[in-house]
Each structure stands twice: as C-alpha cells, then as structure tokens.
Amino acid sequence: MTSDAGATENERANAGALKARLEEWLKEAGVPAGDWTDLLFRLGRRAK
C-alpha cells in the first residue's frame, strides 16, 4: 500500500506503520520451534 499511487497520505502512513510493527513482531517471534505443533499446524492448514 505504501507504493499505491491511489492511496492518500494518511493511508500510506498507516500502511508504513503497520508494516514496521509487523516486521518488529516477526523479529521478536523468531524462528518457529520446529516441533510437533508446527507440523500439526501446517497439516491442518493443508487439510482446509
């Protein structure tokens, strides 16, 4: 959205802030544990 020509300045600012918060959250979350819960989560996603 930050590069969308039709977006308003407020929309670009909101999208940029959201993207920054999401990237920070993902850094803090780290790499998935790789244990059985991840395997079951992915299996459940595919079953949908």
N, C-alpha and C. Protein backbone atom coordinates (compact mmCIF):
# COMPACT_ATOMS: atom_id res chain seq x y z
N MET A 1 0.83 -1.19 0.00
CA MET A 1 0.00 0.00 0.00
C MET A 1 0.87 1.25 0.00
N THR A 2 2.07 1.16 0.54
CA THR A 2 2.91 2.35 0.62
C THR A 2 3.32 2.85 -0.76
N SER A 3 3.28 2.00 -1.77
CA SER A 3 3.65 2.45 -3.11
C SER A 3 2.42 2.60 -4.02
N ASP A 4 1.23 2.47 -3.48
CA ASP A 4 -0.01 2.60 -4.25
C ASP A 4 -0.25 4.07 -4.59
N ALA A 5 -0.31 4.36 -5.89
CA ALA A 5 -0.48 5.75 -6.33
C ALA A 5 -1.85 6.32 -5.95
N GLY A 6 -2.85 5.47 -5.79
CA GLY A 6 -4.19 5.94 -5.46
C GLY A 6 -4.43 6.13 -3.97
N ALA A 7 -3.46 5.77 -3.15
CA ALA A 7 -3.64 5.88 -1.70
C ALA A 7 -3.38 7.31 -1.24
N THR A 8 -4.11 7.69 -0.21
CA THR A 8 -3.89 9.02 0.37
C THR A 8 -2.66 9.00 1.26
N GLU A 9 -2.22 10.17 1.65
CA GLU A 9 -1.04 10.27 2.51
C GLU A 9 -1.27 9.56 3.85
N ASN A 10 -2.48 9.70 4.41
CA ASN A 10 -2.79 9.02 5.67
C ASN A 10 -2.77 7.51 5.51
N GLU A 11 -3.29 7.01 4.40
CA GLU A 11 -3.27 5.56 4.16
C GLU A 11 -1.84 5.05 4.03
N ARG A 12 -1.00 5.81 3.35
CA ARG A 12 0.41 5.41 3.22
C ARG A 12 1.10 5.39 4.58
N ALA A 13 0.82 6.40 5.40
CA ALA A 13 1.43 6.47 6.73
C ALA A 13 0.96 5.30 7.59
N ASN A 14 -0.33 5.00 7.55
CA ASN A 14 -0.86 3.87 8.31
C ASN A 14 -0.26 2.54 7.85
N ALA A 15 -0.15 2.37 6.54
CA ALA A 15 0.42 1.13 6.00
C ALA A 15 1.88 1.00 6.39
N GLY A 16 2.62 2.09 6.34
CA GLY A 16 4.02 2.05 6.73
C GLY A 16 4.20 1.71 8.20
N ALA A 17 3.37 2.28 9.06
CA ALA A 17 3.44 2.00 10.50
C ALA A 17 3.07 0.55 10.78
N LEU A 18 2.04 0.06 10.11
CA LEU A 18 1.62 -1.33 10.29
C LEU A 18 2.71 -2.29 9.83
N LYS A 19 3.33 -1.99 8.71
CA LYS A 19 4.40 -2.83 8.19
C LYS A 19 5.58 -2.87 9.17
N ALA A 20 5.93 -1.72 9.73
CA ALA A 20 7.04 -1.66 10.68
C ALA A 20 6.72 -2.46 11.94
N ARG A 21 5.48 -2.34 12.45
CA ARG A 21 5.10 -3.10 13.65
C ARG A 21 5.11 -4.60 13.38
N LEU A 22 4.61 -5.00 12.20
CA LEU A 22 4.59 -6.41 11.84
C LEU A 22 6.00 -6.97 11.72
N GLU A 23 6.89 -6.23 11.07
CA GLU A 23 8.27 -6.69 10.93
C GLU A 23 8.94 -6.82 12.29
N GLU A 24 8.68 -5.88 13.20
CA GLU A 24 9.25 -5.95 14.55
C GLU A 24 8.70 -7.15 15.30
N TRP A 25 7.40 -7.39 15.18
CA TRP A 25 6.78 -8.53 15.85
C TRP A 25 7.37 -9.84 15.34
N LEU A 26 7.58 -9.93 14.02
CA LEU A 26 8.15 -11.15 13.45
C LEU A 26 9.59 -11.36 13.92
N LYS A 27 10.37 -10.28 14.06
CA LYS A 27 11.73 -10.41 14.58
C LYS A 27 11.71 -10.94 16.00
N GLU A 28 10.80 -10.41 16.83
CA GLU A 28 10.71 -10.83 18.22
C GLU A 28 10.22 -12.28 18.33
N ALA A 29 9.34 -12.69 17.43
CA ALA A 29 8.80 -14.05 17.48
C ALA A 29 9.88 -15.07 17.16
N GLY A 30 10.82 -14.70 16.31
CA GLY A 30 11.92 -15.60 15.98
C GLY A 30 11.49 -16.71 15.03
N VAL A 31 12.35 -17.69 14.93
CA VAL A 31 12.14 -18.83 14.04
C VAL A 31 11.19 -19.81 14.72
N PRO A 32 10.28 -20.42 13.97
CA PRO A 32 9.39 -21.41 14.57
C PRO A 32 10.19 -22.52 15.26
N ALA A 33 9.61 -23.09 16.30
CA ALA A 33 10.30 -24.09 17.12
C ALA A 33 10.65 -25.34 16.32
N GLY A 34 9.84 -25.67 15.32
CA GLY A 34 10.12 -26.84 14.51
C GLY A 34 9.71 -28.13 15.20
N ASP A 35 8.89 -28.02 16.23
CA ASP A 35 8.45 -29.22 16.93
C ASP A 35 7.14 -29.73 16.34
N TRP A 36 6.50 -30.66 17.03
CA TRP A 36 5.30 -31.31 16.51
C TRP A 36 4.14 -30.34 16.35
N THR A 37 4.10 -29.23 17.11
CA THR A 37 2.99 -28.29 16.99
C THR A 37 3.02 -27.58 15.64
N ASP A 38 4.22 -27.24 15.17
CA ASP A 38 4.35 -26.62 13.85
C ASP A 38 3.90 -27.58 12.76
N LEU A 39 4.28 -28.84 12.90
CA LEU A 39 3.90 -29.85 11.92
C LEU A 39 2.38 -30.00 11.85
N LEU A 40 1.74 -30.08 13.02
CA LEU A 40 0.28 -30.21 13.03
C LEU A 40 -0.41 -28.96 12.51
N PHE A 41 0.13 -27.79 12.80
CA PHE A 41 -0.44 -26.55 12.28
C PHE A 41 -0.41 -26.55 10.76
N ARG A 42 0.73 -26.89 10.19
CA ARG A 42 0.85 -26.90 8.73
C ARG A 42 -0.04 -27.97 8.10
N LEU A 43 -0.13 -29.13 8.77
CA LEU A 43 -1.00 -30.19 8.27
C LEU A 43 -2.46 -29.72 8.29
N GLY A 44 -2.87 -29.06 9.35
CA GLY A 44 -4.23 -28.54 9.43
C GLY A 44 -4.51 -27.51 8.37
N ARG A 45 -3.53 -26.65 8.09
CA ARG A 45 -3.71 -25.64 7.04
C ARG A 45 -3.92 -26.28 5.68
N ARG A 46 -3.16 -27.35 5.40
CA ARG A 46 -3.30 -28.03 4.11
C ARG A 46 -4.62 -28.78 4.01
N ALA A 47 -5.11 -29.28 5.14
CA ALA A 47 -6.36 -30.05 5.14
C ALA A 47 -7.55 -29.17 4.80
N LYS A 48 -7.44 -27.87 5.08
CA LYS A 48 -8.55 -26.96 4.76
C LYS A 48 -8.74 -26.96 3.30
